[in-house]
């Protein structure tokens, strides 16, 4: 089951959020993510967090049984609490919308969620989308020529990558976790990236539809 988690700060537009909600069996607003959730005309299944940045009037629109409040002094971020709830409700695919602005530590915390044993799968901010590409899989997308594409290895590094339709091919590159490829560009309307032996992170402009499938 796919779960859409909406968090505050640097959110995609309401139209993008509605598009991301398609096929989701669960929609969770994490704390201040309630505002963009309601602005997108979505009725969240749950609202979770310490609510230190949510207007009382907004919370009043949500049935009490859907509200899960935690103390401000806690061991996990509101986004982590939402992910844990989604997992407990049966979600096996986590799509995160928002969290792309504000404090640097919060941005790095979301980036770290891709490294977990049960990682998030997509992260959509106000301008860009990050896709987790598991080992042995291929990401395909269509876009205008010159579209910026960036690729980052995760903690295991990257080996055996390949690409199609990129100005600087990834074929044969071997990266440790400190390497990366930023600001690559498409040279064809259809492009593809294969992860190779380890998972990698692919970042595209917001709104581009990415299809992930087995590379074999």
C-alpha atoms as a PDB file:
ATOM      1  CA  UNK A   1       0.000   0.000   0.000  1.00  0.00           C
ATOM      2  CA  UNK A   2       1.185   3.473  -0.871  1.00  0.00           C
ATOM      3  CA  UNK A   3       1.049   6.150   1.817  1.00  0.00           C
ATOM      4  CA  UNK A   4       1.330   9.880   1.151  1.00  0.00           C
ATOM      5  CA  UNK A   5       2.785  11.879   4.023  1.00  0.00           C
ATOM      6  CA  UNK A   6       2.487  15.647   3.811  1.00  0.00           C
ATOM      7  CA  UNK A   7       4.748  17.751   5.998  1.00  0.00           C
ATOM      8  CA  UNK A   8       5.155  21.495   6.272  1.00  0.00           C
ATOM      9  CA  UNK A   9       7.719  23.750   4.619  1.00  0.00           C
ATOM     10  CA  UNK A  10       8.686  23.768   0.969  1.00  0.00           C
ATOM     11  CA  UNK A  11       5.643  21.839  -0.232  1.00  0.00           C
ATOM     12  CA  UNK A  12       4.695  21.133  -3.841  1.00  0.00           C
ATOM     13  CA  UNK A  13       1.665  22.927  -5.241  1.00  0.00           C
ATOM     14  CA  UNK A  14      -1.821  21.712  -4.380  1.00  0.00           C
ATOM     15  CA  UNK A  15      -2.144  20.229  -7.859  1.00  0.00           C
ATOM     16  CA  UNK A  16       1.031  18.170  -7.430  1.00  0.00           C
ATOM     17  CA  UNK A  17      -0.074  17.009  -3.979  1.00  0.00           C
ATOM     18  CA  UNK A  18      -3.413  15.860  -5.383  1.00  0.00           C
ATOM     19  CA  UNK A  19      -1.570  14.024  -8.141  1.00  0.00           C
ATOM     20  CA  UNK A  20       0.695  12.329  -5.591  1.00  0.00           C
ATOM     21  CA  UNK A  21      -2.357  11.212  -3.619  1.00  0.00           C
ATOM     22  CA  UNK A  22      -3.647   9.161  -6.541  1.00  0.00           C
ATOM     23  CA  UNK A  23      -3.413   5.481  -5.679  1.00  0.00           C
ATOM     24  CA  UNK A  24      -2.567   6.193  -2.046  1.00  0.00           C
ATOM     25  CA  UNK A  25      -4.379   4.003   0.442  1.00  0.00           C
ATOM     26  CA  UNK A  26      -3.410   6.321   3.278  1.00  0.00           C
ATOM     27  CA  UNK A  27      -2.903  10.089   3.613  1.00  0.00           C
ATOM     28  CA  UNK A  28      -1.200  11.433   6.735  1.00  0.00           C
ATOM     29  CA  UNK A  29      -0.565  15.082   7.584  1.00  0.00           C
ATOM     30  CA  UNK A  30       2.488  15.556   9.793  1.00  0.00           C
ATOM     31  CA  UNK A  31       2.036  18.605  12.010  1.00  0.00           C
ATOM     32  CA  UNK A  32       2.080  21.773   9.849  1.00  0.00           C
ATOM     33  CA  UNK A  33       1.565  19.572   6.800  1.00  0.00           C
ATOM     34  CA  UNK A  34      -2.116  19.805   7.637  1.00  0.00           C
ATOM     35  CA  UNK A  35      -2.349  23.223   5.961  1.00  0.00           C
ATOM     36  CA  UNK A  36      -1.117  22.117   2.503  1.00  0.00           C
ATOM     37  CA  UNK A  37      -3.088  18.898   2.869  1.00  0.00           C
ATOM     38  CA  UNK A  38      -6.369  20.738   3.365  1.00  0.00           C
ATOM     39  CA  UNK A  39      -5.441  23.337   0.726  1.00  0.00           C
ATOM     40  CA  UNK A  40      -5.159  20.452  -1.740  1.00  0.00           C
ATOM     41  CA  UNK A  41      -8.709  19.413  -0.798  1.00  0.00           C
ATOM     42  CA  UNK A  42      -7.474  16.175   0.761  1.00  0.00           C
ATOM     43  CA  UNK A  43      -9.131  14.686   3.810  1.00  0.00           C
ATOM     44  CA  UNK A  44      -6.286  13.159   5.867  1.00  0.00           C
ATOM     45  CA  UNK A  45      -6.778   9.774   7.447  1.00  0.00           C
ATOM     46  CA  UNK A  46      -4.593  10.937  10.334  1.00  0.00           C
ATOM     47  CA  UNK A  47      -2.924  14.094  11.590  1.00  0.00           C
ATOM     48  CA  UNK A  48       0.117  13.478  13.763  1.00  0.00           C
ATOM     49  CA  UNK A  49       2.722  15.551  15.616  1.00  0.00           C
ATOM     50  CA  UNK A  50       3.255  17.864  18.549  1.00  0.00           C
ATOM     51  CA  UNK A  51       1.223  20.579  16.782  1.00  0.00           C
ATOM     52  CA  UNK A  52       3.579  23.367  17.777  1.00  0.00           C
ATOM     53  CA  UNK A  53       3.012  25.006  14.391  1.00  0.00           C
ATOM     54  CA  UNK A  54      -0.594  24.136  13.532  1.00  0.00           C
ATOM     55  CA  UNK A  55      -3.474  26.565  13.869  1.00  0.00           C
ATOM     56  CA  UNK A  56      -6.144  25.413  16.306  1.00  0.00           C
ATOM     57  CA  UNK A  57      -8.832  26.292  13.775  1.00  0.00           C
ATOM     58  CA  UNK A  58      -7.356  23.822  11.304  1.00  0.00           C
ATOM     59  CA  UNK A  59      -7.208  21.008  13.835  1.00  0.00           C
ATOM     60  CA  UNK A  60     -10.820  21.686  14.698  1.00  0.00           C
ATOM     61  CA  UNK A  61     -11.754  20.545  11.183  1.00  0.00           C
ATOM     62  CA  UNK A  62     -10.377  17.050  11.859  1.00  0.00           C
ATOM     63  CA  UNK A  63     -12.371  14.420  13.782  1.00  0.00           C
ATOM     64  CA  UNK A  64     -10.788  13.792  17.182  1.00  0.00           C
ATOM     65  CA  UNK A  65     -10.207  10.099  16.499  1.00  0.00           C
ATOM     66  CA  UNK A  66      -7.914  10.998  13.584  1.00  0.00           C
ATOM     67  CA  UNK A  67      -5.675  13.279  15.661  1.00  0.00           C
ATOM     68  CA  UNK A  68      -2.559  11.795  17.259  1.00  0.00           C
ATOM     69  CA  UNK A  69      -0.787  14.329  19.447  1.00  0.00           C
ATOM     70  CA  UNK A  70       2.677  13.877  20.952  1.00  0.00           C
ATOM     71  CA  UNK A  71       4.619  16.026  23.423  1.00  0.00           C
ATOM     72  CA  UNK A  72       7.054  18.552  21.992  1.00  0.00           C
ATOM     73  CA  UNK A  73       9.930  16.847  23.835  1.00  0.00           C
ATOM     74  CA  UNK A  74      10.119  13.539  21.981  1.00  0.00           C
ATOM     75  CA  UNK A  75      12.710  11.259  20.420  1.00  0.00           C
ATOM     76  CA  UNK A  76      11.358  11.389  16.859  1.00  0.00           C
ATOM     77  CA  UNK A  77      10.455  14.071  14.359  1.00  0.00           C
ATOM     78  CA  UNK A  78       6.839  14.516  13.307  1.00  0.00           C
ATOM     79  CA  UNK A  79       7.744  13.065   9.918  1.00  0.00           C
ATOM     80  CA  UNK A  80       9.250   9.975  11.558  1.00  0.00           C
ATOM     81  CA  UNK A  81       6.094   9.530  13.630  1.00  0.00           C
ATOM     82  CA  UNK A  82       4.014   9.715  10.450  1.00  0.00           C
ATOM     83  CA  UNK A  83       6.213   7.136   8.713  1.00  0.00           C
ATOM     84  CA  UNK A  84       5.971   4.776  11.673  1.00  0.00           C
ATOM     85  CA  UNK A  85       2.186   5.137  11.697  1.00  0.00           C
ATOM     86  CA  UNK A  86       2.002   4.464   7.966  1.00  0.00           C
ATOM     87  CA  UNK A  87       4.083   1.300   8.365  1.00  0.00           C
ATOM     88  CA  UNK A  88       1.854   0.083  11.188  1.00  0.00           C
ATOM     89  CA  UNK A  89      -1.185   0.628   8.976  1.00  0.00           C
ATOM     90  CA  UNK A  90       0.305  -1.582   6.285  1.00  0.00           C
ATOM     91  CA  UNK A  91       2.065   0.859   3.957  1.00  0.00           C
ATOM     92  CA  UNK A  92       5.022  -0.569   2.063  1.00  0.00           C
ATOM     93  CA  UNK A  93       5.639   2.506  -0.107  1.00  0.00           C
ATOM     94  CA  UNK A  94       6.171   5.923   1.462  1.00  0.00           C
ATOM     95  CA  UNK A  95       5.869   9.130  -0.571  1.00  0.00           C
ATOM     96  CA  UNK A  96       6.790  12.346   1.233  1.00  0.00           C
ATOM     97  CA  UNK A  97       5.569  15.769   0.125  1.00  0.00           C
ATOM     98  CA  UNK A  98       7.036  18.867   1.744  1.00  0.00           C
ATOM     99  CA  UNK A  99       9.916  19.446   4.120  1.00  0.00           C
ATOM    100  CA  UNK A 100      12.005  21.100   1.414  1.00  0.00           C
ATOM    101  CA  UNK A 101      12.617  24.424   3.109  1.00  0.00           C
ATOM    102  CA  UNK A 102      13.780  25.793   6.418  1.00  0.00           C
ATOM    103  CA  UNK A 103      16.465  24.418   8.733  1.00  0.00           C
ATOM    104  CA  UNK A 104      19.415  22.524   7.281  1.00  0.00           C
ATOM    105  CA  UNK A 105      19.235  19.843   9.972  1.00  0.00           C
ATOM    106  CA  UNK A 106      15.656  19.079   8.952  1.00  0.00           C
ATOM    107  CA  UNK A 107      16.698  18.729   5.302  1.00  0.00           C
ATOM    108  CA  UNK A 108      19.522  16.368   6.233  1.00  0.00           C
ATOM    109  CA  UNK A 109      17.153  14.390   8.451  1.00  0.00           C
ATOM    110  CA  UNK A 110      14.824  13.761   5.501  1.00  0.00           C
ATOM    111  CA  UNK A 111      17.804  12.801   3.322  1.00  0.00           C
ATOM    112  CA  UNK A 112      18.777  10.236   5.962  1.00  0.00           C
ATOM    113  CA  UNK A 113      15.358   8.577   5.699  1.00  0.00           C
ATOM    114  CA  UNK A 114      16.444   7.136   2.332  1.00  0.00           C
ATOM    115  CA  UNK A 115      19.227   5.246   4.128  1.00  0.00           C
ATOM    116  CA  UNK A 116      17.039   3.288   6.530  1.00  0.00           C
ATOM    117  CA  UNK A 117      16.303  -0.425   6.431  1.00  0.00           C
ATOM    118  CA  UNK A 118      12.742   0.547   5.534  1.00  0.00           C
ATOM    119  CA  UNK A 119      13.379   3.746   3.575  1.00  0.00           C
ATOM    120  CA  UNK A 120      11.058   6.318   2.118  1.00  0.00           C
ATOM    121  CA  UNK A 121      10.714   6.011  -1.653  1.00  0.00           C
ATOM    122  CA  UNK A 122       9.991   9.506  -2.959  1.00  0.00           C
ATOM    123  CA  UNK A 123      10.463  13.045  -1.657  1.00  0.00           C
ATOM    124  CA  UNK A 124       8.754  15.942  -3.420  1.00  0.00           C
ATOM    125  CA  UNK A 125       9.566  19.531  -2.457  1.00  0.00           C
ATOM    126  CA  UNK A 126       8.469  22.844  -3.908  1.00  0.00           C
ATOM    127  CA  UNK A 127      10.795  22.524  -6.920  1.00  0.00           C
ATOM    128  CA  UNK A 128      12.317  19.040  -7.103  1.00  0.00           C
ATOM    129  CA  UNK A 129      11.649  15.345  -6.620  1.00  0.00           C
ATOM    130  CA  UNK A 130      14.016  12.708  -5.219  1.00  0.00           C
ATOM    131  CA  UNK A 131      13.474   9.069  -6.148  1.00  0.00           C
ATOM    132  CA  UNK A 132      15.047   6.081  -4.443  1.00  0.00           C
ATOM    133  CA  UNK A 133      16.244   3.714  -7.163  1.00  0.00           C
ATOM    134  CA  UNK A 134      16.803   0.266  -5.594  1.00  0.00           C
ATOM    135  CA  UNK A 135      19.662  -1.992  -6.635  1.00  0.00           C
ATOM    136  CA  UNK A 136      19.124  -3.698  -9.969  1.00  0.00           C
ATOM    137  CA  UNK A 137      16.339  -1.389 -11.095  1.00  0.00           C
ATOM    138  CA  UNK A 138      15.898   1.226 -13.829  1.00  0.00           C
ATOM    139  CA  UNK A 139      14.267   4.659 -13.695  1.00  0.00           C
ATOM    140  CA  UNK A 140      12.788   5.961 -16.955  1.00  0.00           C
ATOM    141  CA  UNK A 141      11.411   9.427 -17.593  1.00  0.00           C
ATOM    142  CA  UNK A 142      10.478  11.796 -20.398  1.00  0.00           C
ATOM    143  CA  UNK A 143      11.331  15.493 -20.348  1.00  0.00           C
ATOM    144  CA  UNK A 144      12.512  18.388 -22.458  1.00  0.00           C
ATOM    145  CA  UNK A 145      16.110  18.228 -23.668  1.00  0.00           C
ATOM    146  CA  UNK A 146      18.427  19.981 -21.229  1.00  0.00           C
ATOM    147  CA  UNK A 147      16.549  18.884 -18.110  1.00  0.00           C
ATOM    148  CA  UNK A 148      18.856  18.824 -15.084  1.00  0.00           C
ATOM    149  CA  UNK A 149      19.386  15.421 -13.474  1.00  0.00           C
ATOM    150  CA  UNK A 150      21.459  14.735 -10.361  1.00  0.00           C
ATOM    151  CA  UNK A 151      22.492  11.348  -8.984  1.00  0.00           C
ATOM    152  CA  UNK A 152      23.767  10.528  -5.494  1.00  0.00           C
ATOM    153  CA  UNK A 153      25.036   7.221  -4.136  1.00  0.00           C
ATOM    154  CA  UNK A 154      23.855   6.147  -0.698  1.00  0.00           C
ATOM    155  CA  UNK A 155      26.046   4.800   2.098  1.00  0.00           C
ATOM    156  CA  UNK A 156      27.100   1.675   0.177  1.00  0.00           C
ATOM    157  CA  UNK A 157      28.395   3.695  -2.747  1.00  0.00           C
ATOM    158  CA  UNK A 158      27.495   3.046  -6.376  1.00  0.00           C
ATOM    159  CA  UNK A 159      28.823   0.477  -8.830  1.00  0.00           C
ATOM    160  CA  UNK A 160      27.533  -0.887 -12.110  1.00  0.00           C
ATOM    161  CA  UNK A 161      25.400   2.144 -12.969  1.00  0.00           C
ATOM    162  CA  UNK A 162      24.389   2.926 -16.539  1.00  0.00           C
ATOM    163  CA  UNK A 163      22.356   5.593 -18.267  1.00  0.00           C
ATOM    164  CA  UNK A 164      20.644   6.514 -21.508  1.00  0.00           C
ATOM    165  CA  UNK A 165      19.963   9.985 -22.852  1.00  0.00           C
ATOM    166  CA  UNK A 166      22.305  11.865 -20.474  1.00  0.00           C
ATOM    167  CA  UNK A 167      25.052  14.273 -21.559  1.00  0.00           C
ATOM    168  CA  UNK A 168      27.533  12.647 -19.188  1.00  0.00           C
ATOM    169  CA  UNK A 169      26.906   8.868 -19.094  1.00  0.00           C
ATOM    170  CA  UNK A 170      27.052   7.004 -15.797  1.00  0.00           C
ATOM    171  CA  UNK A 171      28.313   3.782 -17.389  1.00  0.00           C
ATOM    172  CA  UNK A 172      31.406   2.363 -15.721  1.00  0.00           C
ATOM    173  CA  UNK A 173      31.509   4.898 -12.887  1.00  0.00           C
ATOM    174  CA  UNK A 174      32.268   3.648  -9.402  1.00  0.00           C
ATOM    175  CA  UNK A 175      31.444   6.010  -6.547  1.00  0.00           C
ATOM    176  CA  UNK A 176      31.918   5.826  -2.827  1.00  0.00           C
ATOM    177  CA  UNK A 177      29.366   7.540  -0.594  1.00  0.00           C
ATOM    178  CA  UNK A 178      31.209  10.857  -0.856  1.00  0.00           C
ATOM    179  CA  UNK A 179      30.923  11.112  -4.628  1.00  0.00           C
ATOM    180  CA  UNK A 180      27.991  12.373  -6.674  1.00  0.00           C
ATOM    181  CA  UNK A 181      26.926  13.622 -10.074  1.00  0.00           C
ATOM    182  CA  UNK A 182      25.122  16.955  -9.976  1.00  0.00           C
ATOM    183  CA  UNK A 183      23.702  18.979 -12.854  1.00  0.00           C
ATOM    184  CA  UNK A 184      23.859  16.306 -15.516  1.00  0.00           C
ATOM    185  CA  UNK A 185      21.544  17.073 -18.455  1.00  0.00           C
ATOM    186  CA  UNK A 186      19.296  15.150 -20.790  1.00  0.00           C
ATOM    187  CA  UNK A 187      20.189  15.087 -24.487  1.00  0.00           C
ATOM    188  CA  UNK A 188      17.096  13.167 -25.601  1.00  0.00           C
ATOM    189  CA  UNK A 189      13.374  13.367 -24.777  1.00  0.00           C
ATOM    190  CA  UNK A 190      13.505   9.933 -23.146  1.00  0.00           C
ATOM    191  CA  UNK A 191      16.155   9.077 -20.580  1.00  0.00           C
ATOM    192  CA  UNK A 192      16.894   6.204 -18.209  1.00  0.00           C
ATOM    193  CA  UNK A 193      19.176   5.464 -15.269  1.00  0.00           C
ATOM    194  CA  UNK A 194      20.036   1.990 -13.948  1.00  0.00           C
ATOM    195  CA  UNK A 195      21.288   1.720 -10.384  1.00  0.00           C
ATOM    196  CA  UNK A 196      23.599  -1.259 -10.701  1.00  0.00           C
ATOM    197  CA  UNK A 197      24.631  -3.169  -7.568  1.00  0.00           C
ATOM    198  CA  UNK A 198      23.486  -0.669  -4.945  1.00  0.00           C
ATOM    199  CA  UNK A 199      20.576   1.743  -4.470  1.00  0.00           C
ATOM    200  CA  UNK A 200      21.046   5.341  -5.571  1.00  0.00           C
ATOM    201  CA  UNK A 201      19.117   8.597  -5.312  1.00  0.00           C
ATOM    202  CA  UNK A 202      17.951  10.390  -8.468  1.00  0.00           C
ATOM    203  CA  UNK A 203      16.805  14.019  -8.327  1.00  0.00           C
ATOM    204  CA  UNK A 204      14.635  15.524 -11.062  1.00  0.00           C
ATOM    205  CA  UNK A 205      12.649  18.734 -11.450  1.00  0.00           C
ATOM    206  CA  UNK A 206       9.248  18.593  -9.789  1.00  0.00           C
ATOM    207  CA  UNK A 207       6.440  17.277 -11.955  1.00  0.00           C
ATOM    208  CA  UNK A 208       8.406  14.776 -14.033  1.00  0.00           C
ATOM    209  CA  UNK A 209       6.835  11.337 -13.939  1.00  0.00           C
ATOM    210  CA  UNK A 210       9.392   8.608 -13.223  1.00  0.00           C
ATOM    211  CA  UNK A 211       8.756   4.945 -13.931  1.00  0.00           C
ATOM    212  CA  UNK A 212      10.839   2.455 -11.933  1.00  0.00           C
ATOM    213  CA  UNK A 213      11.109  -1.177 -12.976  1.00  0.00           C
ATOM    214  CA  UNK A 214      13.563  -4.069 -13.035  1.00  0.00           C
ATOM    215  CA  UNK A 215      16.675  -3.357 -15.084  1.00  0.00           C
ATOM    216  CA  UNK A 216      16.754  -6.908 -16.469  1.00  0.00           C
END
